[in-house]
Amino acid sequence: MPPRRRLAPTERRSQLLDTGARLFAAKPYDEVFMEEVAERAGVSRALLYRHFPNKRDLFAAVYQQAADRLLTRTELDPARPVPEQLRAGLDAHIDYFAANRHTVLAANRVLAGDPVIQTVITGELTELRRRLLDSTGLGDGPGDMVPAALMSWLVFVRALCVEWLTHQAFSRTELREMCVGALLGTLRPVMDLDHALTAGGEAHPAAPWTAP
């Protein structure tokens, strides 16, 4: 074990999160042990357990931190055409998923039914939907249809990314373009996307549009 350094509680927590993040990214969830986290961080197991009572709690904190950082790196630019905004945001998420395959699979497969992990995922998807609605003008669509479509699309993107990470049956570029195409195809019946495809933001409701 490396010599232990005195750190303030917030610094120690950050160090433990970074250590945990590296291990969860490098190994399947079931192969990460708290003893190794403590050893890599240069702390006693007792100190680690004071910050994180169990491995699930540590993983949840790691995943929340990752979600927060991803959201910071994926601010949308309303001056750019909608497809460009989508591709830029997708690229950032796919980059993270590819670099942290085991972490993503743990959250979406091993811990898929865990309420704490699901809360983190739901919070991230909700914030991404809000940003898409605010930045692209898609929120001007009829009723609640566009917000519902966006949330369904975000869930689809996550599921498709997990499939890609698991089987690698298609390329990264194909993954991104399928995601972009799925959203544009879903919204075309109710939104006028012609302007948004070539200029910044401001997609408008299609006219005429009637509910089935």
N, C-alpha and C. Protein backbone atom coordinates (compact mmCIF):
# COMPACT_ATOMS: atom_id res chain seq x y z
N MET A 1 0.84 -1.19 0.00
CA MET A 1 0.00 0.00 0.00
C MET A 1 0.88 1.24 0.00
N PRO A 2 0.65 2.23 -0.87
CA PRO A 2 1.45 3.44 -0.86
C PRO A 2 1.22 4.23 0.42
N PRO A 3 2.19 5.09 0.79
CA PRO A 3 2.04 5.88 2.01
C PRO A 3 0.76 6.72 1.98
N ARG A 4 0.07 6.73 3.09
CA ARG A 4 -1.19 7.46 3.15
C ARG A 4 -0.93 8.94 3.33
N ARG A 5 -1.65 9.76 2.57
CA ARG A 5 -1.54 11.21 2.68
C ARG A 5 -2.77 11.75 3.39
N ARG A 6 -2.57 12.76 4.20
CA ARG A 6 -3.69 13.40 4.86
C ARG A 6 -4.42 14.29 3.86
N LEU A 7 -5.71 14.09 3.75
CA LEU A 7 -6.53 14.89 2.86
C LEU A 7 -7.78 15.35 3.58
N ALA A 8 -8.29 16.49 3.15
CA ALA A 8 -9.58 16.93 3.67
C ALA A 8 -10.65 15.93 3.22
N PRO A 9 -11.76 15.81 3.95
CA PRO A 9 -12.79 14.83 3.59
C PRO A 9 -13.25 14.92 2.14
N THR A 10 -13.45 16.15 1.63
CA THR A 10 -13.89 16.29 0.23
C THR A 10 -12.81 15.83 -0.73
N GLU A 11 -11.57 16.11 -0.42
CA GLU A 11 -10.47 15.67 -1.29
C GLU A 11 -10.34 14.15 -1.25
N ARG A 12 -10.50 13.58 -0.06
CA ARG A 12 -10.40 12.12 0.07
C ARG A 12 -11.53 11.45 -0.71
N ARG A 13 -12.73 11.98 -0.61
CA ARG A 13 -13.85 11.40 -1.35
C ARG A 13 -13.58 11.46 -2.85
N SER A 14 -13.08 12.61 -3.31
CA SER A 14 -12.77 12.75 -4.73
C SER A 14 -11.71 11.75 -5.16
N GLN A 15 -10.70 11.55 -4.32
CA GLN A 15 -9.66 10.58 -4.64
C GLN A 15 -10.23 9.16 -4.73
N LEU A 16 -11.09 8.82 -3.80
CA LEU A 16 -11.70 7.48 -3.80
C LEU A 16 -12.60 7.29 -5.02
N LEU A 17 -13.32 8.34 -5.40
CA LEU A 17 -14.16 8.26 -6.59
C LEU A 17 -13.32 8.04 -7.84
N ASP A 18 -12.22 8.78 -7.95
CA ASP A 18 -11.35 8.63 -9.12
C ASP A 18 -10.75 7.23 -9.17
N THR A 19 -10.34 6.72 -8.02
CA THR A 19 -9.79 5.36 -7.97
C THR A 19 -10.85 4.34 -8.35
N GLY A 20 -12.05 4.50 -7.78
CA GLY A 20 -13.13 3.59 -8.13
C GLY A 20 -13.49 3.66 -9.59
N ALA A 21 -13.52 4.88 -10.16
CA ALA A 21 -13.87 5.04 -11.57
C ALA A 21 -12.90 4.29 -12.46
N ARG A 22 -11.60 4.36 -12.15
CA ARG A 22 -10.61 3.65 -12.96
C ARG A 22 -10.80 2.14 -12.88
N LEU A 23 -11.09 1.63 -11.70
CA LEU A 23 -11.27 0.19 -11.54
C LEU A 23 -12.56 -0.30 -12.19
N PHE A 24 -13.65 0.44 -12.02
CA PHE A 24 -14.91 0.02 -12.65
C PHE A 24 -14.82 0.10 -14.17
N ALA A 25 -14.00 1.01 -14.69
CA ALA A 25 -13.82 1.10 -16.14
C ALA A 25 -12.96 -0.04 -16.67
N ALA A 26 -12.05 -0.53 -15.83
CA ALA A 26 -11.09 -1.54 -16.28
C ALA A 26 -11.59 -2.97 -16.14
N LYS A 27 -12.56 -3.18 -15.23
CA LYS A 27 -12.99 -4.55 -14.93
C LYS A 27 -14.51 -4.66 -14.88
N PRO A 28 -15.05 -5.85 -15.13
CA PRO A 28 -16.48 -6.05 -14.88
C PRO A 28 -16.81 -5.76 -13.41
N TYR A 29 -18.05 -5.36 -13.16
CA TYR A 29 -18.47 -4.96 -11.82
C TYR A 29 -18.15 -6.03 -10.78
N ASP A 30 -18.43 -7.29 -11.10
CA ASP A 30 -18.25 -8.37 -10.13
C ASP A 30 -16.79 -8.64 -9.79
N GLU A 31 -15.86 -8.09 -10.59
CA GLU A 31 -14.45 -8.32 -10.35
C GLU A 31 -13.77 -7.15 -9.63
N VAL A 32 -14.54 -6.15 -9.28
CA VAL A 32 -14.02 -5.02 -8.51
C VAL A 32 -14.34 -5.26 -7.05
N PHE A 33 -13.32 -5.17 -6.21
CA PHE A 33 -13.49 -5.41 -4.77
C PHE A 33 -13.06 -4.18 -3.99
N MET A 34 -13.80 -3.94 -2.92
CA MET A 34 -13.52 -2.76 -2.10
C MET A 34 -12.09 -2.79 -1.54
N GLU A 35 -11.59 -3.98 -1.24
CA GLU A 35 -10.23 -4.10 -0.73
C GLU A 35 -9.22 -3.55 -1.73
N GLU A 36 -9.45 -3.82 -3.02
CA GLU A 36 -8.53 -3.31 -4.04
C GLU A 36 -8.67 -1.80 -4.20
N VAL A 37 -9.88 -1.29 -4.09
CA VAL A 37 -10.07 0.15 -4.16
C VAL A 37 -9.28 0.83 -3.04
N ALA A 38 -9.39 0.29 -1.82
CA ALA A 38 -8.67 0.87 -0.69
C ALA A 38 -7.16 0.79 -0.91
N GLU A 39 -6.69 -0.34 -1.41
CA GLU A 39 -5.25 -0.51 -1.63
C GLU A 39 -4.75 0.46 -2.69
N ARG A 40 -5.47 0.56 -3.79
CA ARG A 40 -5.05 1.47 -4.86
C ARG A 40 -5.06 2.93 -4.40
N ALA A 41 -6.02 3.26 -3.53
CA ALA A 41 -6.12 4.64 -3.04
C ALA A 41 -5.16 4.92 -1.90
N GLY A 42 -4.55 3.86 -1.34
CA GLY A 42 -3.61 4.05 -0.24
C GLY A 42 -4.29 4.39 1.07
N VAL A 43 -5.49 3.80 1.28
CA VAL A 43 -6.22 4.05 2.54
C VAL A 43 -6.62 2.71 3.15
N SER A 44 -7.03 2.75 4.40
CA SER A 44 -7.52 1.54 5.04
C SER A 44 -8.93 1.24 4.55
N ARG A 45 -9.33 -0.03 4.67
CA ARG A 45 -10.69 -0.38 4.30
C ARG A 45 -11.70 0.34 5.18
N ALA A 46 -11.33 0.54 6.45
CA ALA A 46 -12.24 1.24 7.36
C ALA A 46 -12.52 2.66 6.88
N LEU A 47 -11.48 3.33 6.39
CA LEU A 47 -11.67 4.70 5.89
C LEU A 47 -12.53 4.69 4.64
N LEU A 48 -12.27 3.75 3.74
CA LEU A 48 -13.09 3.65 2.52
C LEU A 48 -14.55 3.43 2.88
N TYR A 49 -14.81 2.51 3.83
CA TYR A 49 -16.20 2.22 4.19
C TYR A 49 -16.87 3.38 4.92
N ARG A 50 -16.08 4.27 5.52
CA ARG A 50 -16.69 5.45 6.13
C ARG A 50 -17.27 6.37 5.05
N HIS A 51 -16.63 6.42 3.91
CA HIS A 51 -17.12 7.25 2.81
C HIS A 51 -18.19 6.53 1.99
N PHE A 52 -18.01 5.22 1.78
CA PHE A 52 -18.91 4.44 0.95
C PHE A 52 -19.17 3.10 1.64
N PRO A 53 -20.34 2.93 2.24
CA PRO A 53 -20.61 1.73 3.04
C PRO A 53 -20.52 0.42 2.28
N ASN A 54 -20.69 0.44 0.95
CA ASN A 54 -20.60 -0.79 0.17
C ASN A 54 -20.23 -0.46 -1.28
N LYS A 55 -19.99 -1.49 -2.05
CA LYS A 55 -19.55 -1.30 -3.45
C LYS A 55 -20.63 -0.62 -4.28
N ARG A 56 -21.89 -0.96 -4.06
CA ARG A 56 -22.97 -0.33 -4.82
C ARG A 56 -22.98 1.17 -4.60
N ASP A 57 -22.79 1.60 -3.34
CA ASP A 57 -22.78 3.02 -3.05
C ASP A 57 -21.61 3.72 -3.75
N LEU A 58 -20.45 3.07 -3.76
CA LEU A 58 -19.30 3.63 -4.46
C LEU A 58 -19.58 3.74 -5.95
N PHE A 59 -20.12 2.68 -6.53
CA PHE A 59 -20.42 2.70 -7.96
C PHE A 59 -21.44 3.78 -8.29
N ALA A 60 -22.48 3.90 -7.48
CA ALA A 60 -23.50 4.92 -7.72
C ALA A 60 -22.90 6.32 -7.72
N ALA A 61 -21.99 6.57 -6.79
CA ALA A 61 -21.33 7.88 -6.73
C ALA A 61 -20.43 8.10 -7.93
N VAL A 62 -19.73 7.04 -8.36
CA VAL A 62 -18.90 7.13 -9.56
C VAL A 62 -19.76 7.44 -10.78
N TYR A 63 -20.89 6.76 -10.89
CA TYR A 63 -21.75 6.94 -12.05
C TYR A 63 -22.42 8.31 -12.05
N GLN A 64 -22.79 8.81 -10.87
CA GLN A 64 -23.35 10.15 -10.78
C GLN A 64 -22.32 11.19 -11.20
N GLN A 65 -21.09 11.02 -10.75
CA GLN A 65 -20.03 11.94 -11.12
C GLN A 65 -19.80 11.93 -12.64
N ALA A 66 -19.82 10.74 -13.22
CA ALA A 66 -19.64 10.62 -14.67
C ALA A 66 -20.77 11.31 -15.42
N ALA A 67 -22.01 11.13 -14.94
CA ALA A 67 -23.16 11.76 -15.59
C ALA A 67 -23.05 13.28 -15.50
N ASP A 68 -22.63 13.79 -14.35
CA ASP A 68 -22.48 15.24 -14.18
C ASP A 68 -21.41 15.79 -15.13
N ARG A 69 -20.30 15.07 -15.26
CA ARG A 69 -19.23 15.54 -16.13
C ARG A 69 -19.62 15.48 -17.60
N LEU A 70 -20.37 14.43 -17.97
CA LEU A 70 -20.83 14.32 -19.34
C LEU A 70 -21.78 15.47 -19.69
N LEU A 71 -22.66 15.80 -18.77
CA LEU A 71 -23.59 16.90 -19.01
C LEU A 71 -22.83 18.22 -19.16
N THR A 72 -21.75 18.38 -18.41
CA THR A 72 -20.94 19.59 -18.52
C THR A 72 -20.28 19.69 -19.89
N ARG A 73 -19.87 18.53 -20.44
CA ARG A 73 -19.16 18.52 -21.72
C ARG A 73 -20.09 18.51 -22.92
N THR A 74 -21.38 18.41 -22.71
CA THR A 74 -22.30 18.29 -23.84
C THR A 74 -23.33 19.41 -23.88
N GLU A 75 -22.90 20.62 -23.53
CA GLU A 75 -23.80 21.77 -23.69
C GLU A 75 -24.09 21.96 -25.17
N LEU A 76 -25.34 22.18 -25.51
CA LEU A 76 -25.74 22.33 -26.91
C LEU A 76 -25.62 23.79 -27.35
N ASP A 77 -25.33 23.98 -28.63
CA ASP A 77 -25.17 25.31 -29.21
C ASP A 77 -26.38 25.59 -30.10
N PRO A 78 -27.32 26.43 -29.66
CA PRO A 78 -28.54 26.67 -30.44
C PRO A 78 -28.30 27.32 -31.78
N ALA A 79 -27.10 27.86 -32.02
CA ALA A 79 -26.81 28.48 -33.31
C ALA A 79 -26.49 27.45 -34.38
N ARG A 80 -26.27 26.20 -33.99
CA ARG A 80 -25.91 25.16 -34.96
C ARG A 80 -27.15 24.39 -35.40
N PRO A 81 -27.15 23.85 -36.62
CA PRO A 81 -28.28 23.03 -37.06
C PRO A 81 -28.52 21.86 -36.12
N VAL A 82 -29.77 21.44 -36.04
CA VAL A 82 -30.14 20.36 -35.11
C VAL A 82 -29.29 19.10 -35.29
N PRO A 83 -29.10 18.61 -36.53
CA PRO A 83 -28.29 17.39 -36.68
C PRO A 83 -26.87 17.55 -36.15
N GLU A 84 -26.28 18.74 -36.33
CA GLU A 84 -24.93 18.97 -35.81
C GLU A 84 -24.92 18.93 -34.29
N GLN A 85 -25.94 19.53 -33.67
CA GLN A 85 -26.04 19.49 -32.21
C GLN A 85 -26.17 18.05 -31.73
N LEU A 86 -27.00 17.28 -32.41
CA LEU A 86 -27.21 15.89 -32.01
C LEU A 86 -25.91 15.10 -32.14
N ARG A 87 -25.21 15.26 -33.26
CA ARG A 87 -23.98 14.50 -33.48
C ARG A 87 -22.91 14.87 -32.46
N ALA A 88 -22.79 16.15 -32.13
CA ALA A 88 -21.79 16.57 -31.15
C ALA A 88 -22.09 15.96 -29.78
N GLY A 89 -23.35 16.00 -29.36
CA GLY A 89 -23.72 15.41 -28.08
C GLY A 89 -23.53 13.90 -28.07
N LEU A 90 -23.93 13.27 -29.16
CA LEU A 90 -23.77 11.81 -29.26
C LEU A 90 -22.30 11.42 -29.25
N ASP A 91 -21.46 12.17 -29.95
CA ASP A 91 -20.03 11.86 -29.98
C ASP A 91 -19.44 11.86 -28.57
N ALA A 92 -19.80 12.86 -27.77
CA ALA A 92 -19.28 12.94 -26.40
C ALA A 92 -19.72 11.74 -25.59
N HIS A 93 -20.99 11.35 -25.71
CA HIS A 93 -21.48 10.21 -24.94
C HIS A 93 -20.88 8.90 -25.44
N ILE A 94 -20.78 8.74 -26.75
CA ILE A 94 -20.20 7.50 -27.28
C ILE A 94 -18.74 7.38 -26.90
N ASP A 95 -18.01 8.50 -26.89
CA ASP A 95 -16.61 8.48 -26.46
C ASP A 95 -16.50 7.97 -25.03
N TYR A 96 -17.39 8.47 -24.16
CA TYR A 96 -17.36 8.02 -22.77
C TYR A 96 -17.73 6.55 -22.68
N PHE A 97 -18.79 6.15 -23.38
CA PHE A 97 -19.22 4.75 -23.33
C PHE A 97 -18.11 3.81 -23.78
N ALA A 98 -17.41 4.19 -24.86
CA ALA A 98 -16.34 3.34 -25.38
C ALA A 98 -15.17 3.24 -24.41
N ALA A 99 -14.84 4.36 -23.76
CA ALA A 99 -13.70 4.37 -22.83
C ALA A 99 -14.04 3.74 -21.49
N ASN A 100 -15.33 3.62 -21.18
CA ASN A 100 -15.76 3.10 -19.88
C ASN A 100 -16.79 1.99 -20.06
N ARG A 101 -16.47 1.06 -20.94
CA ARG A 101 -17.40 0.01 -21.33
C ARG A 101 -17.95 -0.76 -20.12
N HIS A 102 -17.06 -1.18 -19.23
CA HIS A 102 -17.50 -1.98 -18.09
C HIS A 102 -18.42 -1.18 -17.17
N THR A 103 -18.13 0.11 -17.00
CA THR A 103 -18.97 0.95 -16.15
C THR A 103 -20.38 1.07 -16.72
N VAL A 104 -20.46 1.33 -18.01
CA VAL A 104 -21.76 1.49 -18.66
C VAL A 104 -22.54 0.19 -18.63
N LEU A 105 -21.88 -0.92 -18.91
CA LEU A 105 -22.58 -2.21 -18.89
C LEU A 105 -23.03 -2.56 -17.47
N ALA A 106 -22.24 -2.21 -16.47
CA ALA A 106 -22.65 -2.48 -15.09
C ALA A 106 -23.92 -1.72 -14.75
N ALA A 107 -23.97 -0.44 -15.14
CA ALA A 107 -25.14 0.38 -14.82
C ALA A 107 -26.39 -0.08 -15.55
N ASN A 108 -26.21 -0.56 -16.78
CA ASN A 108 -27.36 -0.88 -17.63
C ASN A 108 -27.67 -2.37 -17.72
N ARG A 109 -26.82 -3.21 -17.18
CA ARG A 109 -27.07 -4.65 -17.19
C ARG A 109 -27.03 -5.20 -15.76
N VAL A 110 -25.87 -5.19 -15.13
CA VAL A 110 -25.71 -5.79 -13.80
C VAL A 110 -26.61 -5.11 -12.78
N LEU A 111 -26.67 -3.78 -12.81
CA LEU A 111 -27.43 -3.01 -11.82
C LEU A 111 -28.67 -2.36 -12.43
N ALA A 112 -29.17 -2.95 -13.49
CA ALA A 112 -30.29 -2.35 -14.22
C ALA A 112 -31.52 -2.15 -13.34
N GLY A 113 -31.72 -3.01 -12.36
CA GLY A 113 -32.89 -2.90 -11.51
C GLY A 113 -32.66 -2.13 -10.22
N ASP A 114 -31.46 -1.60 -10.05
CA ASP A 114 -31.14 -0.90 -8.81
C ASP A 114 -31.77 0.50 -8.83
N PRO A 115 -32.58 0.84 -7.82
CA PRO A 115 -33.29 2.13 -7.85
C PRO A 115 -32.36 3.33 -7.80
N VAL A 116 -31.23 3.22 -7.10
CA VAL A 116 -30.31 4.36 -7.02
C VAL A 116 -29.68 4.63 -8.39
N ILE A 117 -29.22 3.57 -9.05
CA ILE A 117 -28.62 3.72 -10.37
C ILE A 117 -29.66 4.23 -11.37
N GLN A 118 -30.88 3.72 -11.28
CA GLN A 118 -31.92 4.17 -12.19
C GLN A 118 -32.26 5.63 -11.98
N THR A 119 -32.16 6.10 -10.74
CA THR A 119 -32.39 7.52 -10.46
C THR A 119 -31.34 8.38 -11.14
N VAL A 120 -30.09 7.94 -11.13
CA VAL A 120 -29.02 8.67 -11.80
C VAL A 120 -29.30 8.72 -13.30
N ILE A 121 -29.64 7.58 -13.89
CA ILE A 121 -29.90 7.51 -15.32
C ILE A 121 -31.09 8.37 -15.71
N THR A 122 -32.18 8.28 -14.94
CA THR A 122 -33.37 9.06 -15.23
C THR A 122 -33.09 10.55 -15.12
N GLY A 123 -32.31 10.95 -14.13
CA GLY A 123 -31.95 12.36 -13.98
C GLY A 123 -31.16 12.87 -15.16
N GLU A 124 -30.23 12.06 -15.66
CA GLU A 124 -29.44 12.47 -16.82
C GLU A 124 -30.33 12.59 -18.06
N LEU A 125 -31.19 11.61 -18.29
CA LEU A 125 -32.07 11.65 -19.46
C LEU A 125 -33.02 12.84 -19.41
N THR A 126 -33.53 13.15 -18.23
CA THR A 126 -34.44 14.28 -18.08
C THR A 126 -33.74 15.59 -18.40
N GLU A 127 -32.50 15.74 -17.94
CA GLU A 127 -31.75 16.96 -18.22
C GLU A 127 -31.40 17.06 -19.71
N LEU A 128 -31.04 15.93 -20.33
CA LEU A 128 -30.74 15.95 -21.76
C LEU A 128 -31.98 16.34 -22.57
N ARG A 129 -33.14 15.82 -22.18
CA ARG A 129 -34.37 16.21 -22.87
C ARG A 129 -34.63 17.70 -22.72
N ARG A 130 -34.47 18.23 -21.53
CA ARG A 130 -34.68 19.67 -21.33
C ARG A 130 -33.77 20.49 -22.22
N ARG A 131 -32.51 20.07 -22.32
CA ARG A 131 -31.57 20.82 -23.16
C ARG A 131 -31.95 20.75 -24.63
N LEU A 132 -32.37 19.58 -25.07
CA LEU A 132 -32.78 19.45 -26.46
C LEU A 132 -33.99 20.33 -26.76
N LEU A 133 -34.95 20.36 -25.87
CA LEU A 133 -36.14 21.17 -26.07
C LEU A 133 -35.78 22.66 -26.10
N ASP A 134 -34.89 23.08 -25.19
CA ASP A 134 -34.53 24.49 -25.11
C ASP A 134 -33.63 24.93 -26.26
N SER A 135 -32.70 24.09 -26.67
CA SER A 135 -31.69 24.49 -27.64
C SER A 135 -32.15 24.39 -29.08
N THR A 136 -32.99 23.44 -29.39
CA THR A 136 -33.36 23.17 -30.77
C THR A 136 -34.69 23.77 -31.20
N GLY A 137 -35.48 24.25 -30.24
CA GLY A 137 -36.80 24.74 -30.59
C GLY A 137 -37.82 23.63 -30.77
N LEU A 138 -37.41 22.39 -30.47
CA LEU A 138 -38.33 21.26 -30.64
C LEU A 138 -39.50 21.32 -29.65
N GLY A 139 -39.33 22.09 -28.60
CA GLY A 139 -40.41 22.20 -27.62
C GLY A 139 -41.62 22.94 -28.14
N ASP A 140 -41.52 23.50 -29.37
CA ASP A 140 -42.67 24.20 -29.94
C ASP A 140 -43.64 23.24 -30.62
N GLY A 141 -43.39 21.93 -30.52
CA GLY A 141 -44.25 20.94 -31.16
C GLY A 141 -45.60 20.84 -30.47
N PRO A 142 -46.51 20.11 -31.08
CA PRO A 142 -47.88 20.01 -30.55
C PRO A 142 -47.97 19.24 -29.24
N GLY A 143 -48.56 19.86 -28.23
CA GLY A 143 -48.84 19.18 -26.97
C GLY A 143 -47.60 18.56 -26.33
N ASP A 144 -47.81 17.38 -25.77
CA ASP A 144 -46.73 16.67 -25.09
C ASP A 144 -46.05 15.66 -26.00
N MET A 145 -46.38 15.66 -27.28
CA MET A 145 -45.86 14.62 -28.16
C MET A 145 -44.34 14.69 -28.31
N VAL A 146 -43.81 15.88 -28.56
CA VAL A 146 -42.37 16.00 -28.78
C VAL A 146 -41.57 15.67 -27.52
N PRO A 147 -41.90 16.19 -26.33
CA PRO A 147 -41.18 15.77 -25.13
C PRO A 147 -41.22 14.27 -24.91
N ALA A 148 -42.38 13.65 -25.16
CA ALA A 148 -42.49 12.20 -25.00
C ALA A 148 -41.61 11.48 -26.01
N ALA A 149 -41.60 11.98 -27.25
CA ALA A 149 -40.77 11.37 -28.29
C ALA A 149 -39.29 11.50 -27.96
N LEU A 150 -38.89 12.64 -27.43
CA LEU A 150 -37.48 12.84 -27.07
C LEU A 150 -37.05 11.89 -25.96
N MET A 151 -37.89 11.72 -24.95
CA MET A 151 -37.52 10.81 -23.87
C MET A 151 -37.43 9.38 -24.38
N SER A 152 -38.37 8.99 -25.23
CA SER A 152 -38.31 7.65 -25.81
C SER A 152 -37.05 7.48 -26.65
N TRP A 153 -36.69 8.51 -27.38
CA TRP A 153 -35.48 8.45 -28.20
C TRP A 153 -34.23 8.31 -27.34
N LEU A 154 -34.17 9.06 -26.24
CA LEU A 154 -33.01 8.98 -25.36
C LEU A 154 -32.86 7.58 -24.76
N VAL A 155 -33.98 6.97 -24.41
CA VAL A 155 -33.95 5.59 -23.91
C VAL A 155 -33.47 4.64 -25.02
N PHE A 156 -33.95 4.88 -26.25
CA PHE A 156 -33.51 4.08 -27.40
C PHE A 156 -32.01 4.22 -27.61
N VAL A 157 -31.50 5.44 -27.55
CA VAL A 157 -30.06 5.67 -27.74
C VAL A 157 -29.25 4.90 -26.71
N ARG A 158 -29.68 4.97 -25.45
CA ARG A 158 -28.95 4.25 -24.40
C ARG A 158 -28.98 2.75 -24.66
N ALA A 159 -30.13 2.21 -25.02
CA ALA A 159 -30.22 0.78 -25.29
C ALA A 159 -29.37 0.37 -26.48
N LEU A 160 -29.36 1.19 -27.53
CA LEU A 160 -28.57 0.88 -28.71
C LEU A 160 -27.08 0.95 -28.40
N CYS A 161 -26.68 1.91 -27.59
CA CYS A 161 -25.27 2.01 -27.20
C CYS A 161 -24.83 0.79 -26.39
N VAL A 162 -25.69 0.33 -25.50
CA VAL A 162 -25.37 -0.87 -24.72
C VAL A 162 -25.24 -2.08 -25.63
N GLU A 163 -26.14 -2.18 -26.61
CA GLU A 163 -26.05 -3.27 -27.59
C GLU A 163 -24.74 -3.19 -28.36
N TRP A 164 -24.36 -2.00 -28.76
CA TRP A 164 -23.10 -1.80 -29.48
C TRP A 164 -21.90 -2.19 -28.62
N LEU A 165 -21.90 -1.77 -27.37
CA LEU A 165 -20.80 -2.12 -26.47
C LEU A 165 -20.71 -3.63 -26.25
N THR A 166 -21.86 -4.29 -26.22
CA THR A 166 -21.89 -5.72 -25.92
C THR A 166 -21.43 -6.57 -27.10
N HIS A 167 -21.89 -6.22 -28.31
CA HIS A 167 -21.66 -7.11 -29.45
C HIS A 167 -20.79 -6.51 -30.56
N GLN A 168 -20.62 -5.19 -30.59
CA GLN A 168 -19.81 -4.54 -31.63
C GLN A 168 -20.22 -5.00 -33.03
N ALA A 169 -21.52 -5.12 -33.28
CA ALA A 169 -22.02 -5.63 -34.55
C ALA A 169 -22.08 -4.56 -35.63
N PHE A 170 -21.86 -3.31 -35.29
CA PHE A 170 -21.85 -2.22 -36.26
C PHE A 170 -20.84 -1.19 -35.80
N SER A 171 -20.50 -0.28 -36.69
CA SER A 171 -19.44 0.67 -36.40
C SER A 171 -19.93 1.81 -35.51
N ARG A 172 -18.98 2.55 -35.00
CA ARG A 172 -19.29 3.71 -34.17
C ARG A 172 -20.06 4.75 -34.98
N THR A 173 -19.61 4.97 -36.22
CA THR A 173 -20.30 5.93 -37.08
C THR A 173 -21.72 5.48 -37.39
N GLU A 174 -21.90 4.20 -37.65
CA GLU A 174 -23.24 3.68 -37.89
C GLU A 174 -24.12 3.84 -36.66
N LEU A 175 -23.55 3.63 -35.50
CA LEU A 175 -24.28 3.84 -34.25
C LEU A 175 -24.79 5.26 -34.16
N ARG A 176 -23.90 6.22 -34.36
CA ARG A 176 -24.29 7.63 -34.25
C ARG A 176 -25.34 8.00 -35.28
N GLU A 177 -25.15 7.57 -36.53
CA GLU A 177 -26.08 7.95 -37.58
C GLU A 177 -27.44 7.29 -37.40
N MET A 178 -27.47 6.07 -36.87
CA MET A 178 -28.76 5.44 -36.56
C MET A 178 -29.51 6.25 -35.52
N CYS A 179 -28.78 6.75 -34.52
CA CYS A 179 -29.40 7.53 -33.46
C CYS A 179 -29.96 8.84 -34.01
N VAL A 180 -29.16 9.55 -34.82
CA VAL A 180 -29.63 10.81 -35.40
C VAL A 180 -30.84 10.55 -36.31
N GLY A 181 -30.72 9.55 -37.18
CA GLY A 181 -31.82 9.25 -38.10
C GLY A 181 -33.09 8.85 -37.39
N ALA A 182 -32.96 8.13 -36.28
CA ALA A 182 -34.15 7.70 -35.53
C ALA A 182 -34.92 8.89 -34.99
N LEU A 183 -34.20 9.89 -34.47
CA LEU A 183 -34.89 11.06 -33.93
C LEU A 183 -35.54 11.88 -35.04
N LEU A 184 -34.79 12.16 -36.10
CA LEU A 184 -35.35 12.97 -37.18
C LEU A 184 -36.54 12.27 -37.82
N GLY A 185 -36.45 10.96 -37.99
CA GLY A 185 -37.56 10.22 -38.56
C GLY A 185 -38.79 10.24 -37.66
N THR A 186 -38.57 10.19 -36.36
CA THR A 186 -39.69 10.21 -35.41
C THR A 186 -40.40 11.56 -35.41
N LEU A 187 -39.62 12.66 -35.54
CA LEU A 187 -40.20 13.99 -35.40
C LEU A 187 -40.77 14.56 -36.70
N ARG A 188 -40.36 14.04 -37.84
CA ARG A 188 -40.81 14.61 -39.12
C ARG A 188 -42.34 14.68 -39.25
N PRO A 189 -43.10 13.68 -38.78
CA PRO A 189 -44.56 13.77 -38.96
C PRO A 189 -45.20 14.93 -38.21
N VAL A 190 -44.53 15.46 -37.18
CA VAL A 190 -45.17 16.50 -36.37
C VAL A 190 -44.38 17.79 -36.32
N MET A 191 -43.15 17.81 -36.88
CA MET A 191 -42.33 19.01 -36.84
C MET A 191 -41.84 19.35 -38.24
N ASP A 192 -41.74 20.66 -38.52
CA ASP A 192 -41.13 21.11 -39.77
C ASP A 192 -39.64 21.25 -39.52
N LEU A 193 -38.89 20.22 -39.93
CA LEU A 193 -37.45 20.20 -39.65
C LEU A 193 -36.60 20.77 -40.78
N ASP A 194 -37.21 21.20 -41.88
CA ASP A 194 -36.42 21.63 -43.02
C ASP A 194 -35.45 22.76 -42.66
N HIS A 195 -35.94 23.74 -41.90
CA HIS A 195 -35.07 24.85 -41.51
C HIS A 195 -34.01 24.38 -40.54
N ALA A 196 -34.41 23.52 -39.59
CA ALA A 196 -33.47 23.06 -38.56
C ALA A 196 -32.35 22.23 -39.16
N LEU A 197 -32.60 21.57 -40.30
CA LEU A 197 -31.57 20.74 -40.92
C LEU A 197 -30.46 21.56 -41.54
N THR A 198 -30.73 22.82 -41.83
CA THR A 198 -29.74 23.63 -42.53
C THR A 198 -29.34 24.88 -41.79
N ALA A 199 -30.07 25.23 -40.73
CA ALA A 199 -29.77 26.44 -39.98
C ALA A 199 -29.92 26.18 -38.50
N GLY A 200 -29.60 27.17 -37.70
CA GLY A 200 -29.64 26.96 -36.25
C GLY A 200 -31.04 26.88 -35.71
N GLY A 201 -31.29 25.88 -34.87
CA GLY A 201 -32.48 25.76 -34.05
C GLY A 201 -33.81 25.98 -34.75
N GLU A 202 -34.79 26.39 -33.96
CA GLU A 202 -36.07 26.87 -34.45
C GLU A 202 -36.82 25.89 -35.35
N ALA A 203 -36.96 24.66 -34.90
CA ALA A 203 -37.89 23.76 -35.59
C ALA A 203 -39.31 24.13 -35.20
N HIS A 204 -40.24 23.99 -36.12
CA HIS A 204 -41.61 24.44 -35.87
C HIS A 204 -42.60 23.32 -36.09
N PRO A 205 -43.77 23.42 -35.48
CA PRO A 205 -44.78 22.39 -35.70
C PRO A 205 -45.13 22.27 -37.17
N ALA A 206 -45.35 21.04 -37.60
CA ALA A 206 -45.78 20.82 -38.98
C ALA A 206 -47.21 21.31 -39.15
N ALA A 207 -47.54 21.76 -40.35
CA ALA A 207 -48.90 22.25 -40.60
C ALA A 207 -49.34 21.78 -41.98
N PRO A 208 -50.51 21.21 -42.13
CA PRO A 208 -51.40 20.89 -41.03
C PRO A 208 -50.96 19.62 -40.31
N TRP A 209 -51.36 19.48 -39.06
CA TRP A 209 -51.11 18.24 -38.31
C TRP A 209 -52.36 17.90 -37.56
N THR A 210 -52.81 16.70 -37.71
CA THR A 210 -54.00 16.27 -36.96
C THR A 210 -53.69 15.00 -36.23
N ALA A 211 -54.19 14.89 -35.04
CA ALA A 211 -53.96 13.68 -34.26
C ALA A 211 -54.75 12.53 -34.85
N PRO A 212 -54.22 11.29 -34.77
CA PRO A 212 -54.96 10.15 -35.30
C PRO A 212 -56.22 9.90 -34.51
